[in-house]
PDB file of N, CA and C in Angstrom:
ATOM      1  N   MET A   1      -6.533   1.428   7.909  1.00  0.00           N
ATOM      2  CA  MET A   1      -7.222   1.079   6.686  1.00  0.00           C
ATOM      3  C   MET A   1      -7.363  -0.440   6.568  1.00  0.00           C
ATOM      4  N   LEU A   2      -6.271  -1.167   6.803  1.00  0.00           N
ATOM      5  CA  LEU A   2      -6.320  -2.626   6.655  1.00  0.00           C
ATOM      6  C   LEU A   2      -7.098  -3.291   7.786  1.00  0.00           C
ATOM      7  N   VAL A   3      -7.028  -2.725   8.983  1.00  0.00           N
ATOM      8  CA  VAL A   3      -7.826  -3.254  10.091  1.00  0.00           C
ATOM      9  C   VAL A   3      -9.302  -3.128   9.742  1.00  0.00           C
ATOM     10  N   GLY A   4      -9.678  -2.027   9.111  1.00  0.00           N
ATOM     11  CA  GLY A   4     -11.052  -1.820   8.694  1.00  0.00           C
ATOM     12  C   GLY A   4     -11.510  -2.810   7.635  1.00  0.00           C
ATOM     13  N   LEU A   5     -10.563  -3.428   6.941  1.00  0.00           N
ATOM     14  CA  LEU A   5     -10.900  -4.446   5.949  1.00  0.00           C
ATOM     15  C   LEU A   5     -10.949  -5.844   6.558  1.00  0.00           C
ATOM     16  N   GLY A   6     -10.628  -5.952   7.858  1.00  0.00           N
ATOM     17  CA  GLY A   6     -10.743  -7.234   8.538  1.00  0.00           C
ATOM     18  C   GLY A   6      -9.438  -7.922   8.858  1.00  0.00           C
ATOM     19  N   PHE A   7      -8.296  -7.312   8.566  1.00  0.00           N
ATOM     20  CA  PHE A   7      -6.999  -7.925   8.863  1.00  0.00           C
ATOM     21  C   PHE A   7      -6.618  -7.616  10.299  1.00  0.00           C
ATOM     22  N   ARG A   8      -6.120  -8.626  11.046  1.00  0.00           N
ATOM     23  CA  ARG A   8      -5.886  -8.455  12.476  1.00  0.00           C
ATOM     24  C   ARG A   8      -4.477  -8.834  12.943  1.00  0.00           C
ATOM     25  N   ASP A   9      -3.694  -9.552  12.180  1.00  0.00           N
ATOM     26  CA  ASP A   9      -2.385 -10.008  12.620  1.00  0.00           C
ATOM     27  C   ASP A   9      -1.441  -8.816  12.809  1.00  0.00           C
ATOM     28  N   GLU A  10      -0.956  -8.612  14.052  1.00  0.00           N
ATOM     29  CA  GLU A  10      -0.178  -7.415  14.370  1.00  0.00           C
ATOM     30  C   GLU A  10       1.147  -7.334  13.613  1.00  0.00           C
ATOM     31  N   LEU A  11       1.888  -8.424  13.527  1.00  0.00           N
ATOM     32  CA  LEU A  11       3.166  -8.397  12.811  1.00  0.00           C
ATOM     33  C   LEU A  11       2.948  -8.064  11.337  1.00  0.00           C
ATOM     34  N   TRP A  12       1.967  -8.688  10.727  1.00  0.00           N
ATOM     35  CA  TRP A  12       1.663  -8.439   9.315  1.00  0.00           C
ATOM     36  C   TRP A  12       1.264  -6.973   9.117  1.00  0.00           C
ATOM     37  N   LEU A  13       0.451  -6.457  10.033  1.00  0.00           N
ATOM     38  CA  LEU A  13       0.025  -5.055   9.945  1.00  0.00           C
ATOM     39  C   LEU A  13       1.203  -4.096  10.139  1.00  0.00           C
ATOM     40  N   GLU A  14       2.136  -4.429  11.036  1.00  0.00           N
ATOM     41  CA  GLU A  14       3.324  -3.597  11.231  1.00  0.00           C
ATOM     42  C   GLU A  14       4.172  -3.568   9.965  1.00  0.00           C
ATOM     43  N   GLN A  15       4.312  -4.706   9.308  1.00  0.00           N
ATOM     44  CA  GLN A  15       5.070  -4.749   8.050  1.00  0.00           C
ATOM     45  C   GLN A  15       4.369  -3.915   6.986  1.00  0.00           C
ATOM     46  N   ALA A  16       3.051  -4.010   6.919  1.00  0.00           N
ATOM     47  CA  ALA A  16       2.294  -3.201   5.964  1.00  0.00           C
ATOM     48  C   ALA A  16       2.482  -1.717   6.251  1.00  0.00           C
ATOM     49  N   ALA A  17       2.508  -1.343   7.533  1.00  0.00           N
ATOM     50  CA  ALA A  17       2.704   0.061   7.902  1.00  0.00           C
ATOM     51  C   ALA A  17       4.081   0.559   7.477  1.00  0.00           C
ATOM     52  N   LEU A  18       5.113  -0.272   7.621  1.00  0.00           N
ATOM     53  CA  LEU A  18       6.453   0.114   7.156  1.00  0.00           C
ATOM     54  C   LEU A  18       6.465   0.332   5.644  1.00  0.00           C
ATOM     55  N   ILE A  19       5.787  -0.533   4.928  1.00  0.00           N
ATOM     56  CA  ILE A  19       5.725  -0.406   3.469  1.00  0.00           C
ATOM     57  C   ILE A  19       5.004   0.876   3.080  1.00  0.00           C
ATOM     58  N   VAL A  20       3.859   1.145   3.704  1.00  0.00           N
ATOM     59  CA  VAL A  20       3.114   2.372   3.398  1.00  0.00           C
ATOM     60  C   VAL A  20       3.959   3.593   3.728  1.00  0.00           C
ATOM     61  N   SER A  21       4.661   3.550   4.848  1.00  0.00           N
ATOM     62  CA  SER A  21       5.519   4.668   5.240  1.00  0.00           C
ATOM     63  C   SER A  21       6.593   4.930   4.180  1.00  0.00           C
ATOM     64  N   GLY A  22       7.215   3.855   3.699  1.00  0.00           N
ATOM     65  CA  GLY A  22       8.233   4.014   2.652  1.00  0.00           C
ATOM     66  C   GLY A  22       7.659   4.543   1.360  1.00  0.00           C
ATOM     67  N   LEU A  23       6.513   4.014   0.952  1.00  0.00           N
ATOM     68  CA  LEU A  23       5.870   4.494  -0.274  1.00  0.00           C
ATOM     69  C   LEU A  23       5.509   5.970  -0.161  1.00  0.00           C
ATOM     70  N   ALA A  24       4.892   6.336   0.962  1.00  0.00           N
ATOM     71  CA  ALA A  24       4.458   7.725   1.145  1.00  0.00           C
ATOM     72  C   ALA A  24       5.651   8.675   1.232  1.00  0.00           C
ATOM     73  N   ALA A  25       6.687   8.277   1.960  1.00  0.00           N
ATOM     74  CA  ALA A  25       7.875   9.130   2.083  1.00  0.00           C
ATOM     75  C   ALA A  25       8.514   9.373   0.720  1.00  0.00           C
ATOM     76  N   ASN A  26       8.634   8.320  -0.082  1.00  0.00           N
ATOM     77  CA  ASN A  26       9.209   8.486  -1.427  1.00  0.00           C
ATOM     78  C   ASN A  26       8.330   9.375  -2.296  1.00  0.00           C
ATOM     79  N   ALA A  27       7.020   9.207  -2.201  1.00  0.00           N
ATOM     80  CA  ALA A  27       6.112  10.021  -3.014  1.00  0.00           C
ATOM     81  C   ALA A  27       6.206  11.491  -2.631  1.00  0.00           C
ATOM     82  N   VAL A  28       6.271  11.779  -1.346  1.00  0.00           N
ATOM     83  CA  VAL A  28       6.374  13.170  -0.898  1.00  0.00           C
ATOM     84  C   VAL A  28       7.730  13.755  -1.272  1.00  0.00           C
ATOM     85  N   ARG A  29       8.776  12.971  -1.069  1.00  0.00           N
ATOM     86  CA  ARG A  29      10.135  13.460  -1.336  1.00  0.00           C
ATOM     87  C   ARG A  29      10.409  13.658  -2.821  1.00  0.00           C
ATOM     88  N   HIS A  30       9.932  12.742  -3.652  1.00  0.00           N
ATOM     89  CA  HIS A  30      10.297  12.768  -5.065  1.00  0.00           C
ATOM     90  C   HIS A  30       9.149  13.118  -6.006  1.00  0.00           C
ATOM     91  N   GLY A  31       7.915  13.038  -5.522  1.00  0.00           N
ATOM     92  CA  GLY A  31       6.759  13.197  -6.400  1.00  0.00           C
ATOM     93  C   GLY A  31       6.343  14.613  -6.685  1.00  0.00           C
ATOM     94  N   GLY A  32       6.587  15.513  -5.770  1.00  0.00           N
ATOM     95  CA  GLY A  32       6.265  16.911  -6.000  1.00  0.00           C
ATOM     96  C   GLY A  32       4.794  17.268  -5.876  1.00  0.00           C
ATOM     97  N   ALA A  33       3.912  16.315  -5.919  1.00  0.00           N
ATOM     98  CA  ALA A  33       2.481  16.600  -5.810  1.00  0.00           C
ATOM     99  C   ALA A  33       1.926  15.838  -4.619  1.00  0.00           C
ATOM    100  N   CYS A  34       0.706  16.119  -4.272  1.00  0.00           N
ATOM    101  CA  CYS A  34       0.055  15.442  -3.151  1.00  0.00           C
ATOM    102  C   CYS A  34      -0.199  13.979  -3.533  1.00  0.00           C
ATOM    103  N   PRO A  35       0.434  13.034  -2.823  1.00  0.00           N
ATOM    104  CA  PRO A  35       0.251  11.622  -3.179  1.00  0.00           C
ATOM    105  C   PRO A  35      -1.108  11.095  -2.729  1.00  0.00           C
ATOM    106  N   SER A  36      -1.549  10.033  -3.388  1.00  0.00           N
ATOM    107  CA  SER A  36      -2.784   9.362  -2.979  1.00  0.00           C
ATOM    108  C   SER A  36      -2.474   7.891  -2.712  1.00  0.00           C
ATOM    109  N   LEU A  37      -3.107   7.360  -1.665  1.00  0.00           N
ATOM    110  CA  LEU A  37      -2.898   5.981  -1.250  1.00  0.00           C
ATOM    111  C   LEU A  37      -4.145   5.172  -1.553  1.00  0.00           C
ATOM    112  N   ALA A  38      -3.951   3.945  -2.041  1.00  0.00           N
ATOM    113  CA  ALA A  38      -5.071   3.037  -2.286  1.00  0.00           C
ATOM    114  C   ALA A  38      -4.709   1.660  -1.755  1.00  0.00           C
ATOM    115  N   ALA A  39      -5.729   0.922  -1.312  1.00  0.00           N
ATOM    116  CA  ALA A  39      -5.551  -0.451  -0.860  1.00  0.00           C
ATOM    117  C   ALA A  39      -6.652  -1.301  -1.482  1.00  0.00           C
ATOM    118  N   GLU A  40      -6.271  -2.467  -1.983  1.00  0.00           N
ATOM    119  CA  GLU A  40      -7.229  -3.415  -2.553  1.00  0.00           C
ATOM    120  C   GLU A  40      -7.012  -4.761  -1.869  1.00  0.00           C
ATOM    121  N   ALA A  41      -8.090  -5.406  -1.481  1.00  0.00           N
ATOM    122  CA  ALA A  41      -8.006  -6.733  -0.872  1.00  0.00           C
ATOM    123  C   ALA A  41      -8.945  -7.665  -1.611  1.00  0.00           C
ATOM    124  N   HIS A  42      -8.379  -8.763  -2.127  1.00  0.00           N
ATOM    125  CA  HIS A  42      -9.160  -9.763  -2.859  1.00  0.00           C
ATOM    126  C   HIS A  42      -8.641 -11.144  -2.483  1.00  0.00           C
ATOM    127  N   ASP A  43      -9.499 -11.978  -1.916  1.00  0.00           N
ATOM    128  CA  ASP A  43      -9.152 -13.356  -1.588  1.00  0.00           C
ATOM    129  C   ASP A  43      -7.885 -13.458  -0.728  1.00  0.00           C
ATOM    130  N   GLY A  44      -7.738 -12.569   0.254  1.00  0.00           N
ATOM    131  CA  GLY A  44      -6.590 -12.600   1.144  1.00  0.00           C
ATOM    132  C   GLY A  44      -5.343 -11.958   0.587  1.00  0.00           C
ATOM    133  N   ARG A  45      -5.357 -11.545  -0.672  1.00  0.00           N
ATOM    134  CA  ARG A  45      -4.221 -10.832  -1.267  1.00  0.00           C
ATOM    135  C   ARG A  45      -4.469  -9.343  -1.121  1.00  0.00           C
ATOM    136  N   VAL A  46      -3.414  -8.609  -0.776  1.00  0.00           N
ATOM    137  CA  VAL A  46      -3.546  -7.171  -0.581  1.00  0.00           C
ATOM    138  C   VAL A  46      -2.536  -6.446  -1.449  1.00  0.00           C
ATOM    139  N   LEU A  47      -3.035  -5.454  -2.173  1.00  0.00           N
ATOM    140  CA  LEU A  47      -2.205  -4.600  -3.020  1.00  0.00           C
ATOM    141  C   LEU A  47      -2.342  -3.180  -2.508  1.00  0.00           C
ATOM    142  N   LEU A  48      -1.207  -2.562  -2.155  1.00  0.00           N
ATOM    143  CA  LEU A  48      -1.171  -1.168  -1.743  1.00  0.00           C
ATOM    144  C   LEU A  48      -0.527  -0.373  -2.855  1.00  0.00           C
ATOM    145  N   SER A  49      -0.976   0.853  -3.070  1.00  0.00           N
ATOM    146  CA  SER A  49      -0.342   1.688  -4.087  1.00  0.00           C
ATOM    147  C   SER A  49      -0.373   3.149  -3.670  1.00  0.00           C
ATOM    148  N   VAL A  50       0.645   3.868  -4.119  1.00  0.00           N
ATOM    149  CA  VAL A  50       0.730   5.309  -3.908  1.00  0.00           C
ATOM    150  C   VAL A  50       1.004   5.944  -5.263  1.00  0.00           C
ATOM    151  N   ALA A  51       0.190   6.931  -5.604  1.00  0.00           N
ATOM    152  CA  ALA A  51       0.359   7.660  -6.868  1.00  0.00           C
ATOM    153  C   ALA A  51       0.826   9.073  -6.562  1.00  0.00           C
ATOM    154  N   ASP A  52       1.671   9.597  -7.444  1.00  0.00           N
ATOM    155  CA  ASP A  52       2.127  10.978  -7.304  1.00  0.00           C
ATOM    156  C   ASP A  52       2.341  11.575  -8.690  1.00  0.00           C
ATOM    157  N   GLY A  53       2.763  12.808  -8.738  1.00  0.00           N
ATOM    158  CA  GLY A  53       2.911  13.511 -10.001  1.00  0.00           C
ATOM    159  C   GLY A  53       4.244  13.329 -10.690  1.00  0.00           C
ATOM    160  N   SER A  54       5.124  12.526 -10.129  1.00  0.00           N
ATOM    161  CA  SER A  54       6.444  12.332 -10.709  1.00  0.00           C
ATOM    162  C   SER A  54       6.384  11.376 -11.897  1.00  0.00           C
ATOM    163  N   ALA A  55       7.282  11.580 -12.842  1.00  0.00           N
ATOM    164  CA  ALA A  55       7.413  10.648 -13.956  1.00  0.00           C
ATOM    165  C   ALA A  55       8.680   9.808 -13.800  1.00  0.00           C
ATOM    166  N   VAL A  56       9.386   9.983 -12.686  1.00  0.00           N
ATOM    167  CA  VAL A  56      10.643   9.287 -12.443  1.00  0.00           C
ATOM    168  C   VAL A  56      10.365   7.943 -11.770  1.00  0.00           C
ATOM    169  N   VAL A  57      10.863   6.878 -12.388  1.00  0.00           N
ATOM    170  CA  VAL A  57      10.682   5.534 -11.852  1.00  0.00           C
ATOM    171  C   VAL A  57      11.637   5.338 -10.672  1.00  0.00           C
ATOM    172  N   PRO A  58      11.134   4.859  -9.534  1.00  0.00           N
ATOM    173  CA  PRO A  58      12.005   4.648  -8.374  1.00  0.00           C
ATOM    174  C   PRO A  58      13.083   3.616  -8.665  1.00  0.00           C
ATOM    175  N   ARG A  59      14.231   3.799  -8.041  1.00  0.00           N
ATOM    176  CA  ARG A  59      15.319   2.834  -8.172  1.00  0.00           C
ATOM    177  C   ARG A  59      16.079   2.793  -6.856  1.00  0.00           C
ATOM    178  N   GLN A  60      16.795   1.709  -6.665  1.00  0.00           N
ATOM    179  CA  GLN A  60      17.574   1.545  -5.435  1.00  0.00           C
ATOM    180  C   GLN A  60      18.715   2.548  -5.399  1.00  0.00           C
ATOM    181  N   HIS A  61      18.970   3.077  -4.213  1.00  0.00           N
ATOM    182  CA  HIS A  61      20.094   3.977  -3.973  1.00  0.00           C
ATOM    183  C   HIS A  61      20.944   3.405  -2.859  1.00  0.00           C
ATOM    184  N   THR A  62      22.178   3.832  -2.806  1.00  0.00           N
ATOM    185  CA  THR A  62      23.021   3.468  -1.681  1.00  0.00           C
ATOM    186  C   THR A  62      22.528   4.236  -0.467  1.00  0.00           C
ATOM    187  N   PRO A  63      22.221   3.536   0.621  1.00  0.00           N
ATOM    188  CA  PRO A  63      21.731   4.229   1.816  1.00  0.00           C
ATOM    189  C   PRO A  63      22.743   5.253   2.326  1.00  0.00           C
ATOM    190  N   ASP A  64      22.229   6.391   2.749  1.00  0.00           N
ATOM    191  CA  ASP A  64      23.059   7.415   3.374  1.00  0.00           C
ATOM    192  C   ASP A  64      22.265   8.032   4.521  1.00  0.00           C
ATOM    193  N   GLY A  65      22.719   9.114   5.051  1.00  0.00           N
ATOM    194  CA  GLY A  65      22.063   9.741   6.193  1.00  0.00           C
ATOM    195  C   GLY A  65      20.692  10.291   5.901  1.00  0.00           C
ATOM    196  N   SER A  66      20.360  10.496   4.626  1.00  0.00           N
ATOM    197  CA  SER A  66      19.064  11.096   4.296  1.00  0.00           C
ATOM    198  C   SER A  66      18.090  10.127   3.632  1.00  0.00           C
ATOM    199  N   GLY A  67      18.476   8.878   3.449  1.00  0.00           N
ATOM    200  CA  GLY A  67      17.538   7.933   2.851  1.00  0.00           C
ATOM    201  C   GLY A  67      18.234   6.815   2.104  1.00  0.00           C
ATOM    202  N   GLY A  68      17.482   6.230   1.161  1.00  0.00           N
ATOM    203  CA  GLY A  68      18.032   5.168   0.339  1.00  0.00           C
ATOM    204  C   GLY A  68      17.682   3.764   0.803  1.00  0.00           C
ATOM    205  N   ARG A  69      16.808   3.662   1.814  1.00  0.00           N
ATOM    206  CA  ARG A  69      16.463   2.348   2.344  1.00  0.00           C
ATOM    207  C   ARG A  69      15.066   1.881   1.953  1.00  0.00           C
ATOM    208  N   GLY A  70      14.258   2.750   1.404  1.00  0.00           N
ATOM    209  CA  GLY A  70      12.849   2.468   1.144  1.00  0.00           C
ATOM    210  C   GLY A  70      12.604   1.230   0.304  1.00  0.00           C
ATOM    211  N   LEU A  71      13.209   1.152  -0.866  1.00  0.00           N
ATOM    212  CA  LEU A  71      12.965   0.002  -1.740  1.00  0.00           C
ATOM    213  C   LEU A  71      13.557  -1.284  -1.173  1.00  0.00           C
ATOM    214  N   THR A  72      14.651  -1.174  -0.440  1.00  0.00           N
ATOM    215  CA  THR A  72      15.232  -2.356   0.196  1.00  0.00           C
ATOM    216  C   THR A  72      14.256  -2.933   1.213  1.00  0.00           C
ATOM    217  N   ILE A  73      13.635  -2.065   2.006  1.00  0.00           N
ATOM    218  CA  ILE A  73      12.645  -2.504   2.992  1.00  0.00           C
ATOM    219  C   ILE A  73      11.423  -3.084   2.286  1.00  0.00           C
ATOM    220  N   ILE A  74      10.949  -2.405   1.249  1.00  0.00           N
ATOM    221  CA  ILE A  74       9.777  -2.872   0.507  1.00  0.00           C
ATOM    222  C   ILE A  74      10.041  -4.247  -0.102  1.00  0.00           C
ATOM    223  N   GLU A  75      11.212  -4.437  -0.690  1.00  0.00           N
ATOM    224  CA  GLU A  75      11.537  -5.744  -1.275  1.00  0.00           C
ATOM    225  C   GLU A  75      11.617  -6.834  -0.215  1.00  0.00           C
ATOM    226  N   ALA A  76      12.135  -6.507   0.965  1.00  0.00           N
ATOM    227  CA  ALA A  76      12.279  -7.509   2.022  1.00  0.00           C
ATOM    228  C   ALA A  76      10.941  -7.920   2.624  1.00  0.00           C
ATOM    229  N   LEU A  77       9.977  -7.004   2.666  1.00  0.00           N
ATOM    230  CA  LEU A  77       8.721  -7.263   3.362  1.00  0.00           C
ATOM    231  C   LEU A  77       7.535  -7.559   2.458  1.00  0.00           C
ATOM    232  N   SER A  78       7.723  -7.549   1.144  1.00  0.00           N
ATOM    233  CA  SER A  78       6.582  -7.721   0.236  1.00  0.00           C
ATOM    234  C   SER A  78       6.758  -8.932  -0.660  1.00  0.00           C
ATOM    235  N   ALA A  79       5.666  -9.282  -1.340  1.00  0.00           N
ATOM    236  CA  ALA A  79       5.710 -10.350  -2.336  1.00  0.00           C
ATOM    237  C   ALA A  79       6.187  -9.824  -3.682  1.00  0.00           C
ATOM    238  N   GLY A  80       6.149  -8.509  -3.870  1.00  0.00           N
ATOM    239  CA  GLY A  80       6.597  -7.901  -5.114  1.00  0.00           C
ATOM    240  C   GLY A  80       6.124  -6.464  -5.205  1.00  0.00           C
ATOM    241  N   TRP A  81       6.703  -5.714  -6.149  1.00  0.00           N
ATOM    242  CA  TRP A  81       6.310  -4.333  -6.354  1.00  0.00           C
ATOM    243  C   TRP A  81       6.577  -3.956  -7.802  1.00  0.00           C
ATOM    244  N   GLY A  82       6.002  -2.842  -8.214  1.00  0.00           N
ATOM    245  CA  GLY A  82       6.216  -2.362  -9.568  1.00  0.00           C
ATOM    246  C   GLY A  82       5.708  -0.935  -9.717  1.00  0.00           C
ATOM    247  N   VAL A  83       5.805  -0.451 -10.935  1.00  0.00           N
ATOM    248  CA  VAL A  83       5.427   0.935 -11.229  1.00  0.00           C
ATOM    249  C   VAL A  83       4.577   0.933 -12.491  1.00  0.00           C
ATOM    250  N   ARG A  84       3.560   1.783 -12.516  1.00  0.00           N
ATOM    251  CA  ARG A  84       2.750   1.955 -13.726  1.00  0.00           C
ATOM    252  C   ARG A  84       2.432   3.435 -13.895  1.00  0.00           C
ATOM    253  N   ASP A  85       2.168   3.817 -15.139  1.00  0.00           N
ATOM    254  CA  ASP A  85       1.763   5.196 -15.424  1.00  0.00           C
ATOM    255  C   ASP A  85       0.430   5.473 -14.762  1.00  0.00           C
ATOM    256  N   HIS A  86       0.273   6.729 -14.299  1.00  0.00           N
ATOM    257  CA  HIS A  86      -0.963   7.085 -13.594  1.00  0.00           C
ATOM    258  C   HIS A  86      -1.226   8.579 -13.756  1.00  0.00           C
ATOM    259  N   HIS A  87      -2.118   8.930 -14.660  1.00  0.00           N
ATOM    260  CA  HIS A  87      -2.569  10.319 -14.842  1.00  0.00           C
ATOM    261  C   HIS A  87      -1.424  11.324 -14.916  1.00  0.00           C
ATOM    262  N   GLY A  88      -0.449  11.069 -15.747  1.00  0.00           N
ATOM    263  CA  GLY A  88       0.674  11.991 -15.932  1.00  0.00           C
ATOM    264  C   GLY A  88       1.788  11.833 -14.918  1.00  0.00           C
ATOM    265  N   GLY A  89       1.621  10.940 -13.979  1.00  0.00           N
ATOM    266  CA  GLY A  89       2.648  10.644 -12.978  1.00  0.00           C
ATOM    267  C   GLY A  89       2.857   9.150 -12.935  1.00  0.00           C
ATOM    268  N   ILE A  90       3.198   8.659 -11.773  1.00  0.00           N
ATOM    269  CA  ILE A  90       3.387   7.221 -11.609  1.00  0.00           C
ATOM    270  C   ILE A  90       2.594   6.722 -10.402  1.00  0.00           C
ATOM    271  N   GLN A  91       2.363   5.433 -10.406  1.00  0.00           N
ATOM    272  CA  GLN A  91       1.764   4.749  -9.269  1.00  0.00           C
ATOM    273  C   GLN A  91       2.686   3.582  -8.933  1.00  0.00           C
ATOM    274  N   VAL A  92       3.195   3.569  -7.711  1.00  0.00           N
ATOM    275  CA  VAL A  92       4.024   2.464  -7.245  1.00  0.00           C
ATOM    276  C   VAL A  92       3.107   1.537  -6.463  1.00  0.00           C
ATOM    277  N   TRP A  93       3.075   0.273  -6.855  1.00  0.00           N
ATOM    278  CA  TRP A  93       2.224  -0.701  -6.193  1.00  0.00           C
ATOM    279  C   TRP A  93       3.088  -1.741  -5.487  1.00  0.00           C
ATOM    280  N   VAL A  94       2.563  -2.270  -4.397  1.00  0.00           N
ATOM    281  CA  VAL A  94       3.243  -3.307  -3.632  1.00  0.00           C
ATOM    282  C   VAL A  94       2.224  -4.378  -3.277  1.00  0.00           C
ATOM    283  N   GLU A  95       2.542  -5.627  -3.592  1.00  0.00           N
ATOM    284  CA  GLU A  95       1.709  -6.734  -3.135  1.00  0.00           C
ATOM    285  C   GLU A  95       2.295  -7.218  -1.822  1.00  0.00           C
ATOM    286  N   LEU A  96       1.486  -7.185  -0.770  1.00  0.00           N
ATOM    287  CA  LEU A  96       1.958  -7.639   0.533  1.00  0.00           C
ATOM    288  C   LEU A  96       2.163  -9.140   0.537  1.00  0.00           C
ATOM    289  N   THR A  97       3.002  -9.610   1.464  1.00  0.00           N
ATOM    290  CA  THR A  97       3.163 -11.052   1.614  1.00  0.00           C
ATOM    291  C   THR A  97       1.810 -11.645   1.954  1.00  0.00           C
ATOM    292  N   PRO A  98       1.582 -12.909   1.622  1.00  0.00           N
ATOM    293  CA  PRO A  98       0.274 -13.505   1.911  1.00  0.00           C
ATOM    294  C   PRO A  98      -0.088 -13.372   3.384  1.00  0.00           C
ATOM    295  N   TYR A  99      -1.329 -13.095   3.629  1.00  0.00           N
ATOM    296  CA  TYR A  99      -1.832 -12.923   4.988  1.00  0.00           C
ATOM    297  C   TYR A  99      -1.929 -14.282   5.663  1.00  0.00           C
ATOM    298  N   ALA A 100      -1.226 -14.447   6.783  1.00  0.00           N
ATOM    299  CA  ALA A 100      -1.221 -15.722   7.491  1.00  0.00           C
ATOM    300  C   ALA A 100      -1.745 -15.579   8.916  1.00  0.00           C
ATOM    301  N   GLY A 101      -2.399 -14.477   9.194  1.00  0.00           N
ATOM    302  CA  GLY A 101      -2.905 -14.221  10.536  1.00  0.00           C
ATOM    303  C   GLY A 101      -4.218 -14.919  10.795  1.00  0.00           C
ATOM    304  N   PRO A 102      -4.942 -14.422  11.805  1.00  0.00           N
ATOM    305  CA  PRO A 102      -6.255 -14.993  12.108  1.00  0.00           C
ATOM    306  C   PRO A 102      -7.120 -14.999  10.857  1.00  0.00           C
ATOM    307  N   PRO A 103      -8.046 -15.918  10.757  1.00  0.00           N
ATOM    308  CA  PRO A 103      -8.861 -16.012   9.540  1.00  0.00           C
ATOM    309  C   PRO A 103      -9.405 -14.658   9.103  1.00  0.00           C
ATOM    310  N   PHE A 104      -9.228 -14.381   7.825  1.00  0.00           N
ATOM    311  CA  PHE A 104      -9.682 -13.129   7.233  1.00  0.00           C
ATOM    312  C   PHE A 104     -11.193 -13.157   7.110  1.00  0.00           C
ATOM    313  N   THR A 105     -11.833 -12.184   7.731  1.00  0.00           N
ATOM    314  CA  THR A 105     -13.275 -12.017   7.619  1.00  0.00           C
ATOM    315  C   THR A 105     -13.525 -10.595   7.189  1.00  0.00           C
ATOM    316  N   PRO A 106     -14.005 -10.369   5.968  1.00  0.00           N
ATOM    317  CA  PRO A 106     -14.213  -8.990   5.527  1.00  0.00           C
ATOM    318  C   PRO A 106     -15.106  -8.238   6.502  1.00  0.00           C
ATOM    319  N   ALA A 107     -14.667  -7.042   6.849  1.00  0.00           N
ATOM    320  CA  ALA A 107     -15.463  -6.194   7.733  1.00  0.00           C
ATOM    321  C   ALA A 107     -16.681  -5.683   6.974  1.00  0.00           C
ATOM    322  N   LEU A 108     -17.734  -5.418   7.707  1.00  0.00           N
ATOM    323  CA  LEU A 108     -18.910  -4.829   7.085  1.00  0.00           C
ATOM    324  C   LEU A 108     -18.870  -3.325   7.276  1.00  0.00           C
ATOM    325  N   ARG A 109     -19.256  -2.614   6.275  1.00  0.00           N
ATOM    326  CA  ARG A 109     -19.321  -1.155   6.382  1.00  0.00           C
ATOM    327  C   ARG A 109     -20.642  -0.691   5.810  1.00  0.00           C
ATOM    328  N   ARG A 110     -21.077   0.432   6.265  1.00  0.00           N
ATOM    329  CA  ARG A 110     -22.329   0.990   5.785  1.00  0.00           C
ATOM    330  C   ARG A 110     -22.015   1.895   4.594  1.00  0.00           C
ATOM    331  N   GLN A 111     -22.648   1.630   3.459  1.00  0.00           N
ATOM    332  CA  GLN A 111     -22.441   2.469   2.283  1.00  0.00           C
ATOM    333  C   GLN A 111     -23.076   3.825   2.544  1.00  0.00           C
ATOM    334  N   GLN A 112     -22.346   4.873   2.186  1.00  0.00           N
ATOM    335  CA  GLN A 112     -22.840   6.217   2.422  1.00  0.00           C
ATOM    336  C   GLN A 112     -24.136   6.462   1.662  1.00  0.00           C
ATOM    337  N   GLY A 113     -25.104   6.987   2.383  1.00  0.00           N
ATOM    338  CA  GLY A 113     -26.340   7.417   1.757  1.00  0.00           C
ATOM    339  C   GLY A 113     -27.340   6.326   1.445  1.00  0.00           C
ATOM    340  N   THR A 114     -26.969   5.033   1.561  1.00  0.00           N
ATOM    341  CA  THR A 114     -27.909   3.985   1.171  1.00  0.00           C
ATOM    342  C   THR A 114     -28.501   3.265   2.367  1.00  0.00           C
ATOM    343  N   GLY A 115     -27.763   3.246   3.492  1.00  0.00           N
ATOM    344  CA  GLY A 115     -28.240   2.500   4.638  1.00  0.00           C
ATOM    345  C   GLY A 115     -28.060   1.009   4.507  1.00  0.00           C
ATOM    346  N   SER A 116     -27.528   0.538   3.372  1.00  0.00           N
ATOM    347  CA  SER A 116     -27.316  -0.888   3.199  1.00  0.00           C
ATOM    348  C   SER A 116     -25.901  -1.265   3.592  1.00  0.00           C
ATOM    349  N   LEU A 117     -25.717  -2.521   3.915  1.00  0.00           N
ATOM    350  CA  LEU A 117     -24.395  -3.006   4.287  1.00  0.00           C
ATOM    351  C   LEU A 117     -23.747  -3.639   3.078  1.00  0.00           C
ATOM    352  N   ALA A 118     -22.424  -3.447   2.981  1.00  0.00           N
ATOM    353  CA  ALA A 118     -21.662  -4.048   1.894  1.00  0.00           C
ATOM    354  C   ALA A 118     -20.360  -4.589   2.466  1.00  0.00           C
ATOM    355  N   SER A 119     -19.798  -5.569   1.831  1.00  0.00           N
ATOM    356  CA  SER A 119     -18.530  -6.129   2.264  1.00  0.00           C
ATOM    357  C   SER A 119     -17.431  -5.170   1.882  1.00  0.00           C
ATOM    358  N   ALA A 120     -16.618  -4.757   2.845  1.00  0.00           N
ATOM    359  CA  ALA A 120     -15.520  -3.825   2.586  1.00  0.00           C
ATOM    360  C   ALA A 120     -14.443  -4.514   1.779  1.00  0.00           C
ATOM    361  N   GLY A 121     -13.825  -3.768   0.883  1.00  0.00           N
ATOM    362  CA  GLY A 121     -12.715  -4.277   0.099  1.00  0.00           C
ATOM    363  C   GLY A 121     -13.113  -5.101  -1.102  1.00  0.00           C
ATOM    364  N   ARG A 122     -14.343  -5.231  -1.356  1.00  0.00           N
ATOM    365  CA  ARG A 122     -14.806  -5.988  -2.529  1.00  0.00           C
ATOM    366  C   ARG A 122     -15.242  -5.010  -3.595  1.00  0.00           C
ATOM    367  N   GLY A 123     -14.901  -5.288  -4.830  1.00  0.00           N
ATOM    368  CA  GLY A 123     -15.181  -4.353  -5.910  1.00  0.00           C
ATOM    369  C   GLY A 123     -16.349  -4.631  -6.631  1.00  0.00           C
TER     370      GLY A 123
END
């Protein structure tokens, strides 16, 4: 998803993948409903979020054999995170650390049905 938006730095992308993995695992484990993932990129800042049907706000746990490391990893690899209400459940958002890789150039994508080109990740 992020490569399609024009991000190319491998280490940064690996960190983003770890964050997405933690968000998705927590949503599946604790959310009870099918989670949805979103990514927003504006001026080199990237916000990832996962929404699920849970109303329980995530909190740090003592790591054990079955988990408890997700938020610790997210805090170590991100610029910040938080939780907001989302359609009867919650949405956990994470702002990635600033992108310091090769110059960010928004990828071009073809808008469905129009044949016109638009800059990906722009709202």
